[in-house]
Amino acid sequence: MPELPEVETIRRHLEARVAGKRIVRARTLRPDMRAPFPRGLAKSVEGRRVARLDRRAKYLLIHLDDGYALLLHLGMSGRLLLGRASDAPPEPHVHVEFDFDDGTRLRFQDPRRFGRIDRVAQSRLAGHKLLAHLGPEPMAPEFTAQALEAACAGSKSSIKAALLDQRRIAGIGNIYACEALF
């Protein structure tokens, strides 16, 4: 599963390549995801410009110019493929395609279908059911040793379990918890 650093790397890569571009065509190709795509997702993003990209924990946030954002999670095996738009059929397990005004195409591919995309009003992101329970970002300036101590105060769980608890610290997964403890 992609963890916070991988999602941040993806965010930075995509921001440099799609921010400011207009989505001229979108297609949902497979409806059989763990959570269904929002009804009318493709039509709702066509014509919209990508304003910016953010990340919250392991979620990628693609902010659009209409006050909405796409909330994307890669699940266990999801990938975002950016390349030239073509008439070639999509690779296996591609669930969504976004074509941009410069001729590039972003494809969301997920063989195991645990990923998800939701369309959320930007004003409601903090309260979204997938984000509302998340603790502070571990790379935020306000996340200090004192903040970590306060987050773990009174806990009877192991330090690894505390690091993995997304309510205490957002975005840390098993790999980075093990690395931090090493």
N, C-alpha and C. Protein backbone atom coordinates (compact mmCIF):
# COMPACT_ATOMS: atom_id res chain seq x y z
N MET A 1 0.85 -1.17 0.00
CA MET A 1 0.00 0.00 0.00
C MET A 1 0.90 1.24 0.00
N PRO A 2 0.64 2.17 -0.91
CA PRO A 2 1.42 3.42 -0.87
C PRO A 2 1.20 4.14 0.46
N GLU A 3 2.30 4.57 1.04
CA GLU A 3 2.22 5.30 2.30
C GLU A 3 2.45 6.78 2.06
N LEU A 4 2.38 7.57 3.10
CA LEU A 4 2.45 9.02 3.01
C LEU A 4 3.59 9.51 2.10
N PRO A 5 4.84 9.05 2.26
CA PRO A 5 5.90 9.58 1.39
C PRO A 5 5.67 9.28 -0.09
N GLU A 6 5.14 8.10 -0.40
CA GLU A 6 4.87 7.77 -1.80
C GLU A 6 3.75 8.65 -2.36
N VAL A 7 2.72 8.87 -1.57
CA VAL A 7 1.61 9.71 -2.04
C VAL A 7 2.09 11.15 -2.21
N GLU A 8 2.94 11.61 -1.33
CA GLU A 8 3.50 12.96 -1.47
C GLU A 8 4.36 13.07 -2.73
N THR A 9 5.13 12.04 -3.03
CA THR A 9 5.93 12.03 -4.26
C THR A 9 5.03 12.07 -5.48
N ILE A 10 3.96 11.30 -5.47
CA ILE A 10 2.99 11.31 -6.57
C ILE A 10 2.37 12.70 -6.70
N ARG A 11 2.00 13.29 -5.57
CA ARG A 11 1.39 14.63 -5.59
C ARG A 11 2.33 15.63 -6.25
N ARG A 12 3.57 15.64 -5.84
CA ARG A 12 4.54 16.60 -6.40
C ARG A 12 4.75 16.37 -7.90
N HIS A 13 4.83 15.12 -8.29
CA HIS A 13 5.02 14.79 -9.70
C HIS A 13 3.82 15.26 -10.53
N LEU A 14 2.61 14.93 -10.05
CA LEU A 14 1.41 15.32 -10.80
C LEU A 14 1.18 16.83 -10.78
N GLU A 15 1.45 17.47 -9.65
CA GLU A 15 1.24 18.92 -9.57
C GLU A 15 2.03 19.63 -10.67
N ALA A 16 3.25 19.21 -10.88
CA ALA A 16 4.09 19.84 -11.90
C ALA A 16 3.58 19.57 -13.32
N ARG A 17 2.77 18.53 -13.49
CA ARG A 17 2.36 18.13 -14.83
C ARG A 17 0.89 18.36 -15.16
N VAL A 18 0.02 18.50 -14.14
CA VAL A 18 -1.41 18.68 -14.47
C VAL A 18 -2.03 19.94 -13.87
N ALA A 19 -1.38 20.57 -12.90
CA ALA A 19 -1.97 21.80 -12.32
C ALA A 19 -2.11 22.85 -13.42
N GLY A 20 -3.28 23.45 -13.48
CA GLY A 20 -3.56 24.47 -14.48
C GLY A 20 -4.17 23.92 -15.75
N LYS A 21 -4.18 22.63 -15.92
CA LYS A 21 -4.73 22.02 -17.14
C LYS A 21 -6.22 21.75 -16.98
N ARG A 22 -6.90 21.76 -18.11
CA ARG A 22 -8.35 21.52 -18.13
C ARG A 22 -8.61 20.07 -18.51
N ILE A 23 -9.56 19.46 -17.82
CA ILE A 23 -9.99 18.10 -18.15
C ILE A 23 -11.00 18.22 -19.28
N VAL A 24 -10.65 17.70 -20.45
CA VAL A 24 -11.55 17.82 -21.60
C VAL A 24 -12.43 16.59 -21.77
N ARG A 25 -12.00 15.48 -21.19
CA ARG A 25 -12.79 14.25 -21.28
C ARG A 25 -12.45 13.38 -20.09
N ALA A 26 -13.47 12.76 -19.53
CA ALA A 26 -13.27 11.81 -18.44
C ALA A 26 -14.15 10.60 -18.69
N ARG A 27 -13.64 9.43 -18.28
CA ARG A 27 -14.42 8.20 -18.45
C ARG A 27 -14.23 7.30 -17.24
N THR A 28 -15.32 6.78 -16.75
CA THR A 28 -15.24 5.71 -15.76
C THR A 28 -15.45 4.41 -16.53
N LEU A 29 -14.50 3.49 -16.39
CA LEU A 29 -14.49 2.29 -17.22
C LEU A 29 -14.98 1.04 -16.51
N ARG A 30 -14.80 1.00 -15.19
CA ARG A 30 -15.19 -0.18 -14.43
C ARG A 30 -15.87 0.26 -13.15
N PRO A 31 -17.08 -0.17 -12.93
CA PRO A 31 -17.79 0.26 -11.71
C PRO A 31 -17.56 -0.63 -10.50
N ASP A 32 -16.79 -1.71 -10.65
CA ASP A 32 -16.72 -2.72 -9.59
C ASP A 32 -15.58 -2.48 -8.60
N MET A 33 -15.52 -1.28 -8.09
CA MET A 33 -14.54 -0.94 -7.06
C MET A 33 -15.11 -1.27 -5.69
N ARG A 34 -14.26 -1.25 -4.68
CA ARG A 34 -14.72 -1.49 -3.30
C ARG A 34 -15.82 -0.50 -2.94
N ALA A 35 -15.62 0.76 -3.27
CA ALA A 35 -16.65 1.78 -3.09
C ALA A 35 -16.96 2.34 -4.48
N PRO A 36 -18.21 2.41 -4.86
CA PRO A 36 -18.54 2.90 -6.20
C PRO A 36 -18.13 4.36 -6.38
N PHE A 37 -17.82 4.71 -7.62
CA PHE A 37 -17.53 6.10 -7.93
C PHE A 37 -18.79 6.93 -7.76
N PRO A 38 -18.65 8.21 -7.45
CA PRO A 38 -19.84 9.06 -7.35
C PRO A 38 -20.62 9.06 -8.67
N ARG A 39 -21.90 9.08 -8.56
CA ARG A 39 -22.76 9.11 -9.75
C ARG A 39 -22.42 10.34 -10.59
N GLY A 40 -22.20 10.15 -11.87
CA GLY A 40 -21.92 11.25 -12.77
C GLY A 40 -20.53 11.84 -12.63
N LEU A 41 -19.60 11.07 -12.06
CA LEU A 41 -18.24 11.58 -11.83
C LEU A 41 -17.62 12.15 -13.10
N ALA A 42 -17.66 11.39 -14.18
CA ALA A 42 -16.99 11.82 -15.41
C ALA A 42 -17.55 13.15 -15.91
N LYS A 43 -18.84 13.25 -16.01
CA LYS A 43 -19.46 14.50 -16.51
C LYS A 43 -19.19 15.67 -15.56
N SER A 44 -19.11 15.41 -14.26
CA SER A 44 -18.93 16.49 -13.30
C SER A 44 -17.54 17.13 -13.37
N VAL A 45 -16.56 16.42 -13.92
CA VAL A 45 -15.21 16.98 -13.97
C VAL A 45 -14.82 17.48 -15.37
N GLU A 46 -15.58 17.10 -16.37
CA GLU A 46 -15.26 17.56 -17.72
C GLU A 46 -15.40 19.07 -17.81
N GLY A 47 -14.40 19.71 -18.40
CA GLY A 47 -14.39 21.16 -18.52
C GLY A 47 -13.78 21.87 -17.33
N ARG A 48 -13.51 21.15 -16.26
CA ARG A 48 -12.93 21.74 -15.06
C ARG A 48 -11.41 21.82 -15.20
N ARG A 49 -10.85 22.83 -14.57
CA ARG A 49 -9.40 23.02 -14.56
C ARG A 49 -8.86 22.54 -13.20
N VAL A 50 -7.70 21.89 -13.24
CA VAL A 50 -7.05 21.46 -12.00
C VAL A 50 -6.39 22.69 -11.38
N ALA A 51 -6.87 23.09 -10.22
CA ALA A 51 -6.33 24.28 -9.55
C ALA A 51 -5.02 23.96 -8.84
N ARG A 52 -5.01 22.85 -8.09
CA ARG A 52 -3.81 22.45 -7.35
C ARG A 52 -4.02 21.04 -6.82
N LEU A 53 -2.94 20.47 -6.32
CA LEU A 53 -3.01 19.15 -5.71
C LEU A 53 -2.48 19.25 -4.29
N ASP A 54 -3.15 18.58 -3.38
CA ASP A 54 -2.74 18.49 -1.98
C ASP A 54 -2.71 17.03 -1.58
N ARG A 55 -2.26 16.80 -0.36
CA ARG A 55 -2.27 15.47 0.21
C ARG A 55 -2.71 15.58 1.65
N ARG A 56 -3.51 14.65 2.10
CA ARG A 56 -3.87 14.52 3.51
C ARG A 56 -3.69 13.06 3.86
N ALA A 57 -2.72 12.79 4.75
CA ALA A 57 -2.37 11.41 5.11
C ALA A 57 -2.02 10.67 3.82
N LYS A 58 -2.72 9.58 3.53
CA LYS A 58 -2.45 8.78 2.33
C LYS A 58 -3.43 9.11 1.20
N TYR A 59 -4.13 10.21 1.31
CA TYR A 59 -5.12 10.61 0.31
C TYR A 59 -4.57 11.73 -0.56
N LEU A 60 -4.78 11.61 -1.86
CA LEU A 60 -4.42 12.65 -2.81
C LEU A 60 -5.66 13.50 -3.04
N LEU A 61 -5.51 14.82 -3.00
CA LEU A 61 -6.63 15.75 -3.20
C LEU A 61 -6.36 16.56 -4.45
N ILE A 62 -7.20 16.39 -5.46
CA ILE A 62 -7.08 17.13 -6.71
C ILE A 62 -8.15 18.21 -6.69
N HIS A 63 -7.73 19.44 -6.42
CA HIS A 63 -8.66 20.56 -6.32
C HIS A 63 -9.00 21.07 -7.72
N LEU A 64 -10.28 21.22 -7.98
CA LEU A 64 -10.75 21.71 -9.27
C LEU A 64 -11.21 23.15 -9.13
N ASP A 65 -11.40 23.81 -10.27
CA ASP A 65 -11.73 25.24 -10.26
C ASP A 65 -13.20 25.53 -9.97
N ASP A 66 -13.99 24.50 -9.68
CA ASP A 66 -15.41 24.71 -9.39
C ASP A 66 -15.75 24.58 -7.91
N GLY A 67 -14.72 24.54 -7.05
CA GLY A 67 -14.97 24.43 -5.61
C GLY A 67 -15.06 22.99 -5.12
N TYR A 68 -14.82 22.04 -6.01
CA TYR A 68 -14.83 20.63 -5.62
C TYR A 68 -13.42 20.07 -5.70
N ALA A 69 -13.23 18.93 -5.08
CA ALA A 69 -11.95 18.23 -5.13
C ALA A 69 -12.23 16.75 -5.35
N LEU A 70 -11.29 16.10 -6.02
CA LEU A 70 -11.33 14.65 -6.12
C LEU A 70 -10.47 14.11 -4.99
N LEU A 71 -11.05 13.28 -4.18
CA LEU A 71 -10.38 12.63 -3.05
C LEU A 71 -10.02 11.23 -3.54
N LEU A 72 -8.74 10.96 -3.64
CA LEU A 72 -8.29 9.72 -4.26
C LEU A 72 -7.40 8.94 -3.31
N HIS A 73 -7.68 7.66 -3.17
CA HIS A 73 -6.84 6.75 -2.38
C HIS A 73 -6.44 5.61 -3.30
N LEU A 74 -5.17 5.24 -3.28
CA LEU A 74 -4.67 4.22 -4.19
C LEU A 74 -4.93 2.80 -3.71
N GLY A 75 -5.42 2.64 -2.50
CA GLY A 75 -5.69 1.30 -1.99
C GLY A 75 -4.41 0.49 -1.84
N MET A 76 -4.49 -0.80 -2.07
CA MET A 76 -3.33 -1.68 -1.91
C MET A 76 -2.42 -1.68 -3.13
N SER A 77 -2.99 -1.55 -4.32
CA SER A 77 -2.19 -1.75 -5.53
C SER A 77 -2.46 -0.70 -6.61
N GLY A 78 -3.12 0.40 -6.25
CA GLY A 78 -3.46 1.40 -7.25
C GLY A 78 -2.27 2.19 -7.75
N ARG A 79 -2.38 2.65 -8.99
CA ARG A 79 -1.34 3.48 -9.61
C ARG A 79 -2.01 4.55 -10.44
N LEU A 80 -1.32 5.65 -10.59
CA LEU A 80 -1.73 6.71 -11.49
C LEU A 80 -0.73 6.74 -12.63
N LEU A 81 -1.22 6.59 -13.85
CA LEU A 81 -0.37 6.53 -15.03
C LEU A 81 -0.61 7.78 -15.86
N LEU A 82 0.43 8.56 -16.07
CA LEU A 82 0.32 9.79 -16.85
C LEU A 82 1.10 9.61 -18.14
N GLY A 83 0.42 9.83 -19.26
CA GLY A 83 1.07 9.69 -20.56
C GLY A 83 0.29 10.44 -21.62
N ARG A 84 0.60 10.17 -22.86
CA ARG A 84 -0.09 10.81 -23.98
C ARG A 84 -1.44 10.13 -24.18
N ALA A 85 -2.45 10.91 -24.45
CA ALA A 85 -3.77 10.36 -24.77
C ALA A 85 -3.68 9.67 -26.12
N SER A 86 -4.32 8.54 -26.25
CA SER A 86 -4.33 7.82 -27.52
C SER A 86 -5.63 7.04 -27.63
N ASP A 87 -5.85 6.48 -28.81
CA ASP A 87 -7.03 5.65 -29.02
C ASP A 87 -6.80 4.21 -28.64
N ALA A 88 -5.59 3.90 -28.18
CA ALA A 88 -5.28 2.53 -27.77
C ALA A 88 -6.18 2.14 -26.60
N PRO A 89 -6.61 0.90 -26.54
CA PRO A 89 -7.44 0.48 -25.41
C PRO A 89 -6.66 0.60 -24.10
N PRO A 90 -7.35 0.87 -23.01
CA PRO A 90 -6.65 1.00 -21.73
C PRO A 90 -6.05 -0.33 -21.30
N GLU A 91 -4.99 -0.22 -20.52
CA GLU A 91 -4.38 -1.40 -19.94
C GLU A 91 -5.41 -2.09 -19.04
N PRO A 92 -5.17 -3.36 -18.71
CA PRO A 92 -6.10 -4.02 -17.78
C PRO A 92 -6.18 -3.27 -16.45
N HIS A 93 -7.33 -3.32 -15.86
CA HIS A 93 -7.58 -2.79 -14.52
C HIS A 93 -7.57 -1.26 -14.46
N VAL A 94 -7.70 -0.58 -15.58
CA VAL A 94 -7.85 0.88 -15.56
C VAL A 94 -9.32 1.17 -15.31
N HIS A 95 -9.57 1.97 -14.29
CA HIS A 95 -10.95 2.24 -13.88
C HIS A 95 -11.43 3.62 -14.29
N VAL A 96 -10.51 4.58 -14.37
CA VAL A 96 -10.89 5.95 -14.72
C VAL A 96 -9.80 6.55 -15.60
N GLU A 97 -10.24 7.37 -16.57
CA GLU A 97 -9.30 8.11 -17.40
C GLU A 97 -9.70 9.58 -17.40
N PHE A 98 -8.69 10.45 -17.33
CA PHE A 98 -8.89 11.89 -17.45
C PHE A 98 -7.99 12.38 -18.59
N ASP A 99 -8.59 12.97 -19.62
CA ASP A 99 -7.82 13.55 -20.72
C ASP A 99 -7.74 15.05 -20.52
N PHE A 100 -6.53 15.60 -20.70
CA PHE A 100 -6.30 17.02 -20.48
C PHE A 100 -6.16 17.76 -21.80
N ASP A 101 -6.30 19.08 -21.71
CA ASP A 101 -6.28 19.92 -22.90
C ASP A 101 -4.94 19.97 -23.62
N ASP A 102 -3.89 19.44 -23.02
CA ASP A 102 -2.59 19.42 -23.69
C ASP A 102 -2.29 18.07 -24.34
N GLY A 103 -3.28 17.17 -24.35
CA GLY A 103 -3.09 15.86 -24.98
C GLY A 103 -2.57 14.78 -24.06
N THR A 104 -2.47 15.06 -22.77
CA THR A 104 -2.04 14.02 -21.84
C THR A 104 -3.26 13.33 -21.24
N ARG A 105 -3.02 12.15 -20.72
CA ARG A 105 -4.09 11.36 -20.11
C ARG A 105 -3.59 10.82 -18.78
N LEU A 106 -4.43 10.92 -17.76
CA LEU A 106 -4.16 10.35 -16.44
C LEU A 106 -5.11 9.17 -16.27
N ARG A 107 -4.52 8.00 -15.98
CA ARG A 107 -5.32 6.79 -15.78
C ARG A 107 -5.14 6.30 -14.35
N PHE A 108 -6.26 5.91 -13.76
CA PHE A 108 -6.24 5.29 -12.43
C PHE A 108 -6.39 3.79 -12.63
N GLN A 109 -5.34 3.07 -12.29
CA GLN A 109 -5.30 1.62 -12.47
C GLN A 109 -5.22 0.96 -11.10
N ASP A 110 -6.04 -0.05 -10.87
CA ASP A 110 -6.03 -0.72 -9.57
C ASP A 110 -6.49 -2.17 -9.73
N PRO A 111 -5.54 -3.10 -9.87
CA PRO A 111 -5.91 -4.50 -10.06
C PRO A 111 -6.74 -5.10 -8.93
N ARG A 112 -6.48 -4.69 -7.71
CA ARG A 112 -7.21 -5.29 -6.58
C ARG A 112 -8.50 -4.55 -6.25
N ARG A 113 -8.71 -3.38 -6.83
CA ARG A 113 -9.95 -2.59 -6.71
C ARG A 113 -10.24 -2.10 -5.28
N PHE A 114 -9.17 -1.88 -4.48
CA PHE A 114 -9.36 -1.32 -3.14
C PHE A 114 -9.26 0.20 -3.13
N GLY A 115 -8.80 0.79 -4.22
CA GLY A 115 -8.69 2.24 -4.29
C GLY A 115 -10.06 2.88 -4.36
N ARG A 116 -10.07 4.20 -4.32
CA ARG A 116 -11.35 4.89 -4.39
C ARG A 116 -11.15 6.31 -4.86
N ILE A 117 -12.20 6.86 -5.44
CA ILE A 117 -12.26 8.26 -5.82
C ILE A 117 -13.61 8.78 -5.37
N ASP A 118 -13.59 9.93 -4.73
CA ASP A 118 -14.82 10.60 -4.34
C ASP A 118 -14.73 12.04 -4.81
N ARG A 119 -15.85 12.66 -5.05
CA ARG A 119 -15.92 14.09 -5.42
C ARG A 119 -16.55 14.80 -4.24
N VAL A 120 -15.80 15.78 -3.68
CA VAL A 120 -16.21 16.42 -2.44
C VAL A 120 -16.08 17.93 -2.57
N ALA A 121 -17.05 18.66 -2.04
CA ALA A 121 -16.92 20.12 -1.98
C ALA A 121 -15.70 20.44 -1.13
N GLN A 122 -14.85 21.34 -1.61
CA GLN A 122 -13.64 21.68 -0.87
C GLN A 122 -13.96 22.17 0.54
N SER A 123 -15.06 22.85 0.70
CA SER A 123 -15.44 23.36 2.01
C SER A 123 -15.81 22.24 2.99
N ARG A 124 -16.03 21.03 2.47
CA ARG A 124 -16.43 19.90 3.31
C ARG A 124 -15.35 18.83 3.45
N LEU A 125 -14.18 19.09 2.91
CA LEU A 125 -13.13 18.07 2.96
C LEU A 125 -12.76 17.68 4.38
N ALA A 126 -12.54 18.64 5.25
CA ALA A 126 -12.10 18.33 6.62
C ALA A 126 -13.10 17.44 7.34
N GLY A 127 -14.37 17.55 7.03
CA GLY A 127 -15.39 16.74 7.68
C GLY A 127 -15.74 15.46 6.94
N HIS A 128 -15.09 15.19 5.83
CA HIS A 128 -15.39 13.98 5.06
C HIS A 128 -15.12 12.74 5.91
N LYS A 129 -15.94 11.73 5.77
CA LYS A 129 -15.84 10.54 6.62
C LYS A 129 -14.47 9.87 6.56
N LEU A 130 -13.73 10.03 5.46
CA LEU A 130 -12.40 9.42 5.35
C LEU A 130 -11.30 10.30 5.94
N LEU A 131 -11.58 11.57 6.16
CA LEU A 131 -10.55 12.50 6.64
C LEU A 131 -10.80 13.03 8.05
N ALA A 132 -12.05 13.05 8.48
CA ALA A 132 -12.41 13.71 9.73
C ALA A 132 -11.71 13.14 10.96
N HIS A 133 -11.43 11.86 10.95
CA HIS A 133 -10.83 11.21 12.13
C HIS A 133 -9.31 11.27 12.15
N LEU A 134 -8.69 11.79 11.11
CA LEU A 134 -7.23 11.75 11.01
C LEU A 134 -6.56 12.71 11.98
N GLY A 135 -5.47 12.25 12.54
CA GLY A 135 -4.66 13.08 13.43
C GLY A 135 -3.79 14.05 12.65
N PRO A 136 -2.85 14.66 13.33
CA PRO A 136 -1.98 15.65 12.66
C PRO A 136 -1.03 14.99 11.67
N GLU A 137 -0.59 15.77 10.71
CA GLU A 137 0.41 15.32 9.74
C GLU A 137 1.77 15.24 10.42
N PRO A 138 2.51 14.16 10.23
CA PRO A 138 3.80 14.02 10.91
C PRO A 138 4.87 15.00 10.42
N MET A 139 4.70 15.57 9.25
CA MET A 139 5.69 16.51 8.72
C MET A 139 5.27 17.97 8.94
N ALA A 140 4.15 18.19 9.59
CA ALA A 140 3.69 19.56 9.84
C ALA A 140 4.55 20.21 10.92
N PRO A 141 4.78 21.50 10.82
CA PRO A 141 5.62 22.19 11.81
C PRO A 141 5.11 22.05 13.25
N GLU A 142 3.80 21.96 13.41
CA GLU A 142 3.25 21.85 14.76
C GLU A 142 3.37 20.44 15.35
N PHE A 143 3.80 19.47 14.52
CA PHE A 143 3.99 18.12 15.03
C PHE A 143 5.39 18.02 15.62
N THR A 144 5.47 18.20 16.91
CA THR A 144 6.74 18.23 17.63
C THR A 144 6.83 17.00 18.54
N ALA A 145 7.95 16.86 19.21
CA ALA A 145 8.11 15.78 20.18
C ALA A 145 7.04 15.89 21.27
N GLN A 146 6.72 17.12 21.65
CA GLN A 146 5.68 17.33 22.66
C GLN A 146 4.30 16.90 22.12
N ALA A 147 4.04 17.17 20.85
CA ALA A 147 2.77 16.76 20.25
C ALA A 147 2.67 15.24 20.20
N LEU A 148 3.77 14.58 19.85
CA LEU A 148 3.79 13.11 19.84
C LEU A 148 3.56 12.56 21.24
N GLU A 149 4.21 13.16 22.22
CA GLU A 149 4.02 12.72 23.61
C GLU A 149 2.56 12.88 24.03
N ALA A 150 1.97 14.00 23.68
CA ALA A 150 0.56 14.24 24.03
C ALA A 150 -0.36 13.24 23.32
N ALA A 151 -0.05 12.92 22.05
CA ALA A 151 -0.87 11.98 21.30
C ALA A 151 -0.82 10.57 21.89
N CYS A 152 0.30 10.25 22.51
CA CYS A 152 0.47 8.90 23.06
C CYS A 152 0.20 8.83 24.57
N ALA A 153 -0.03 9.96 25.18
CA ALA A 153 -0.24 10.00 26.64
C ALA A 153 -1.42 9.12 27.04
N GLY A 154 -1.20 8.34 28.04
CA GLY A 154 -2.27 7.50 28.59
C GLY A 154 -2.54 6.24 27.79
N SER A 155 -1.81 6.02 26.72
CA SER A 155 -2.03 4.85 25.88
C SER A 155 -1.40 3.62 26.51
N LYS A 156 -2.07 2.52 26.40
CA LYS A 156 -1.53 1.26 26.88
C LYS A 156 -1.06 0.39 25.70
N SER A 157 -1.18 0.93 24.50
CA SER A 157 -0.76 0.16 23.32
C SER A 157 0.75 0.28 23.11
N SER A 158 1.29 -0.59 22.29
CA SER A 158 2.72 -0.54 21.97
C SER A 158 2.99 0.75 21.18
N ILE A 159 4.25 1.16 21.14
CA ILE A 159 4.59 2.38 20.40
C ILE A 159 4.29 2.20 18.92
N LYS A 160 4.52 1.00 18.37
CA LYS A 160 4.22 0.77 16.95
C LYS A 160 2.72 0.92 16.69
N ALA A 161 1.90 0.34 17.54
CA ALA A 161 0.45 0.47 17.37
C ALA A 161 0.03 1.93 17.47
N ALA A 162 0.66 2.67 18.36
CA ALA A 162 0.34 4.10 18.49
C ALA A 162 0.72 4.85 17.22
N LEU A 163 1.88 4.54 16.63
CA LEU A 163 2.29 5.20 15.39
C LEU A 163 1.37 4.86 14.23
N LEU A 164 0.82 3.66 14.23
CA LEU A 164 -0.07 3.24 13.15
C LEU A 164 -1.50 3.75 13.33
N ASP A 165 -1.83 4.23 14.51
CA ASP A 165 -3.18 4.73 14.79
C ASP A 165 -3.38 6.06 14.07
N GLN A 166 -4.17 6.06 13.00
CA GLN A 166 -4.36 7.24 12.16
C GLN A 166 -5.04 8.40 12.89
N ARG A 167 -5.69 8.11 14.01
CA ARG A 167 -6.28 9.18 14.81
C ARG A 167 -5.22 9.95 15.58
N ARG A 168 -4.08 9.31 15.84
CA ARG A 168 -2.99 9.96 16.57
C ARG A 168 -2.05 10.70 15.62
N ILE A 169 -1.68 10.02 14.53
CA ILE A 169 -0.75 10.57 13.54
C ILE A 169 -1.24 10.11 12.17
N ALA A 170 -1.43 11.03 11.26
CA ALA A 170 -1.99 10.70 9.95
C ALA A 170 -0.93 10.20 8.99
N GLY A 171 -1.22 9.10 8.32
CA GLY A 171 -0.44 8.70 7.17
C GLY A 171 0.69 7.73 7.39
N ILE A 172 1.03 7.39 8.64
CA ILE A 172 2.13 6.46 8.86
C ILE A 172 1.60 5.04 8.72
N GLY A 173 2.27 4.26 7.90
CA GLY A 173 1.92 2.86 7.69
C GLY A 173 2.99 1.96 8.28
N ASN A 174 2.83 0.69 8.05
CA ASN A 174 3.69 -0.32 8.66
C ASN A 174 5.17 -0.14 8.31
N ILE A 175 5.46 0.13 7.05
CA ILE A 175 6.86 0.25 6.63
C ILE A 175 7.56 1.38 7.38
N TYR A 176 6.93 2.55 7.42
CA TYR A 176 7.58 3.70 8.05
C TYR A 176 7.54 3.64 9.57
N ALA A 177 6.55 2.97 10.13
CA ALA A 177 6.56 2.76 11.58
C ALA A 177 7.75 1.87 11.95
N CYS A 178 7.96 0.81 11.16
CA CYS A 178 9.11 -0.07 11.43
C CYS A 178 10.43 0.69 11.26
N GLU A 179 10.53 1.48 10.22
CA GLU A 179 11.75 2.26 9.98
C GLU A 179 12.00 3.24 11.13
N ALA A 180 10.96 3.92 11.56
CA ALA A 180 11.11 4.90 12.64
C ALA A 180 11.57 4.22 13.93
N LEU A 181 11.07 3.04 14.18
CA LEU A 181 11.42 2.33 15.40
C LEU A 181 12.78 1.67 15.33
N PHE A 182 13.26 1.42 14.12
CA PHE A 182 14.59 0.82 13.96
C PHE A 182 15.65 1.80 14.41
